[in-house]
Each structure stands twice: as structure tokens, then as C-alpha cells.
Amino acid sequence: MDTDPIKQAEEIAREVNNFMQKRGRSVFGRYPLLFSLLGTFGVVLIIHGFDGIVEKIPFLNERPLFLLIAGILILSLTGTLYKRIEKKLD
């Protein structure tokens, strides 16, 4: 039996660290598939909801080319805004 208190303290600290490392992982780290599926389901629900809204607005429902152009413009503007913000942070 080892009576060195420093070695005993190190062993206890190592055991506590190993225990906390198993418990300390994030929930996403422990269940990545579940969160991926929930995230995908959420995106699908949003897209389906937007589709339902577009179908009820005659102007948008009758002009899919307008929706395509508006989507491209929105993505371009948000990309440009993202680049400007990223440049300011650097």
C-alpha cells in the first residue's frame, strides 16, 4: 500500500477528472444524431411553412421567378453583410 499523500492526491484528482470528463461533455456531443435529426426536422418545418404562406399569397404563388430572384438577392446581401462584419472584427 502506497502511503505517499501526493501520489494519492494525484490519483484522486485523476479519477475525478476522468469521471467529470465523461459527464462534462455537452448534450450535443453525447447525442449528435438526435440533434441532427431534430435540426433537420426544424428546417423542413420552416420550409414547409414558407411554402404554405407563398401558396396563400397570389402575387408570390403566380410568380416563381420573382421568388427565385428575391432569394438570390437576399442571399447576396446577407453574404456581403457577413463579409463586412467579419472584416471589421479582424
Protein backbone atom coordinates (compact mmCIF):
# COMPACT_ATOMS: atom_id res chain seq x y z
CA MET A 1 0.00 0.00 0.00
CA ASP A 2 1.34 3.40 -1.03
CA THR A 3 1.39 5.96 1.77
CA ASP A 4 2.67 8.89 -0.27
CA PRO A 5 -0.04 11.59 0.10
CA ILE A 6 0.98 13.39 -3.09
CA LYS A 7 0.56 10.23 -5.18
CA GLN A 8 -2.79 9.55 -3.51
CA ALA A 9 -3.93 13.13 -4.22
CA GLU A 10 -2.85 12.82 -7.86
CA GLU A 11 -4.73 9.52 -8.20
CA ILE A 12 -7.88 11.02 -6.68
CA ALA A 13 -7.58 14.06 -8.97
CA ARG A 14 -7.12 11.78 -12.00
CA GLU A 15 -10.21 9.73 -11.08
CA VAL A 16 -12.31 12.86 -10.54
CA ASN A 17 -11.07 14.29 -13.83
CA ASN A 18 -11.94 11.08 -15.72
CA PHE A 19 -15.40 10.99 -14.11
CA MET A 20 -16.11 14.66 -14.91
CA GLN A 21 -14.82 14.30 -18.44
CA LYS A 22 -17.46 11.64 -19.12
CA ARG A 23 -20.20 13.78 -17.53
CA GLY A 24 -18.90 17.12 -18.80
CA ARG A 25 -19.48 16.55 -22.49
CA SER A 26 -22.25 18.65 -23.95
CA VAL A 27 -25.61 17.10 -24.67
CA PHE A 28 -24.98 17.64 -28.39
CA GLY A 29 -21.70 15.75 -28.05
CA ARG A 30 -23.45 12.82 -26.40
CA TYR A 31 -26.41 12.65 -28.80
CA PRO A 32 -25.26 14.07 -32.17
CA LEU A 33 -27.68 12.00 -34.26
CA LEU A 34 -30.69 13.10 -32.22
CA PHE A 35 -29.81 16.78 -32.54
CA SER A 36 -29.03 16.43 -36.24
CA LEU A 37 -32.42 14.86 -36.85
CA LEU A 38 -34.20 17.50 -34.75
CA GLY A 39 -32.37 20.28 -36.57
CA THR A 40 -33.25 18.80 -39.95
CA PHE A 41 -36.87 18.40 -38.90
CA GLY A 42 -36.97 22.05 -37.81
CA VAL A 43 -35.59 23.24 -41.15
CA VAL A 44 -38.11 21.11 -43.04
CA LEU A 45 -40.95 22.57 -40.96
CA ILE A 46 -39.80 26.12 -41.68
CA ILE A 47 -39.56 25.43 -45.42
CA HIS A 48 -42.99 23.80 -45.43
CA GLY A 49 -44.42 26.76 -43.52
CA PHE A 50 -42.96 29.24 -46.00
CA ASP A 51 -44.37 27.14 -48.83
CA GLY A 52 -47.84 27.34 -47.27
CA ILE A 53 -47.55 31.11 -46.89
CA VAL A 54 -46.41 31.56 -50.50
CA GLU A 55 -49.34 29.47 -51.77
CA LYS A 56 -51.80 31.78 -49.99
CA ILE A 57 -50.33 34.98 -51.48
CA PRO A 58 -51.45 35.11 -55.14
CA PHE A 59 -48.69 37.50 -56.24
CA LEU A 60 -45.95 35.17 -54.98
CA ASN A 61 -47.70 31.94 -55.96
CA GLU A 62 -48.10 33.07 -59.59
CA ARG A 63 -44.52 34.37 -59.97
CA PRO A 64 -41.93 31.73 -59.01
CA LEU A 65 -39.26 33.64 -60.98
CA PHE A 66 -39.77 36.58 -58.61
CA LEU A 67 -39.22 34.25 -55.65
CA LEU A 68 -36.01 32.93 -57.20
CA ILE A 69 -34.64 36.43 -57.85
CA ALA A 70 -35.66 37.65 -54.39
CA GLY A 71 -33.96 34.63 -52.79
CA ILE A 72 -30.74 35.20 -54.72
CA LEU A 73 -30.75 38.91 -53.77
CA ILE A 74 -31.34 38.15 -50.10
CA LEU A 75 -28.52 35.58 -50.04
CA SER A 76 -26.19 38.01 -51.82
CA LEU A 77 -26.99 40.82 -49.39
CA THR A 78 -26.53 38.65 -46.33
CA GLY A 79 -23.25 37.30 -47.72
CA THR A 80 -21.98 40.82 -48.31
CA LEU A 81 -23.08 41.88 -44.84
CA TYR A 82 -21.33 38.86 -43.33
CA LYS A 83 -18.09 39.70 -45.14
CA ARG A 84 -18.23 43.32 -43.93
CA ILE A 85 -18.85 42.28 -40.32
CA GLU A 86 -16.08 39.67 -40.50
CA LYS A 87 -13.68 42.26 -41.93
CA LYS A 88 -14.46 44.71 -39.10
CA LEU A 89 -13.88 42.04 -36.46
CA ASP A 90 -10.42 41.24 -37.85
